[in-house]
N, C-alpha and C. Protein backbone atom coordinates (compact mmCIF):
# COMPACT_ATOMS: atom_id res chain seq x y z
N MET A 1 43.60 201.12 63.13
CA MET A 1 44.51 201.49 64.23
C MET A 1 45.88 201.91 63.67
N GLU A 2 45.94 202.11 62.39
CA GLU A 2 47.21 202.50 61.78
C GLU A 2 47.59 203.92 62.18
N ALA A 3 46.58 204.78 62.31
CA ALA A 3 46.84 206.18 62.68
C ALA A 3 47.47 206.25 64.07
N MET A 4 46.96 205.46 64.99
CA MET A 4 47.49 205.47 66.36
C MET A 4 48.87 204.81 66.38
N ALA A 5 49.01 203.76 65.63
CA ALA A 5 50.28 203.04 65.62
C ALA A 5 51.39 203.93 65.06
N ALA A 6 51.03 204.78 64.11
CA ALA A 6 52.02 205.67 63.50
C ALA A 6 52.61 206.60 64.55
N SER A 7 51.82 206.94 65.52
CA SER A 7 52.28 207.86 66.57
C SER A 7 53.21 207.13 67.55
N THR A 8 52.93 205.84 67.76
CA THR A 8 53.74 205.04 68.70
C THR A 8 53.85 205.76 70.03
N SER A 9 52.79 206.41 70.44
CA SER A 9 52.81 207.16 71.70
C SER A 9 52.68 206.19 72.88
N LEU A 10 51.94 205.11 72.65
CA LEU A 10 51.73 204.15 73.75
C LEU A 10 52.55 202.89 73.49
N PRO A 11 53.49 202.61 74.35
CA PRO A 11 54.34 201.42 74.23
C PRO A 11 53.56 200.14 74.52
N ASP A 12 52.67 199.80 73.61
CA ASP A 12 51.84 198.61 73.82
C ASP A 12 52.33 197.46 72.93
N PRO A 13 52.89 196.43 73.52
CA PRO A 13 53.40 195.27 72.78
C PRO A 13 52.27 194.40 72.24
N GLY A 14 51.13 194.98 71.97
CA GLY A 14 49.98 194.22 71.47
C GLY A 14 49.76 194.49 70.00
N ASP A 15 49.35 195.68 69.67
CA ASP A 15 49.09 196.02 68.27
C ASP A 15 50.18 196.95 67.73
N PHE A 16 50.88 197.62 68.64
CA PHE A 16 51.92 198.56 68.23
C PHE A 16 53.29 197.87 68.22
N ASP A 17 53.27 196.59 68.47
CA ASP A 17 54.53 195.85 68.55
C ASP A 17 55.33 196.02 67.26
N ARG A 18 54.63 195.94 66.12
CA ARG A 18 55.33 196.04 64.83
C ARG A 18 55.82 197.46 64.58
N ASN A 19 55.22 198.45 65.25
CA ASN A 19 55.62 199.85 65.06
C ASN A 19 56.65 200.27 66.10
N VAL A 20 56.62 199.60 67.23
CA VAL A 20 57.57 199.94 68.30
C VAL A 20 58.93 199.31 68.02
N PRO A 21 59.97 200.09 68.01
CA PRO A 21 61.34 199.62 67.71
C PRO A 21 61.90 198.71 68.80
């Protein structure tokens, strides 16, 4: 899920929390 997280298109505080500022 690193590819999706890199985009940070979806503000999901689940797996993208570490990618979302």
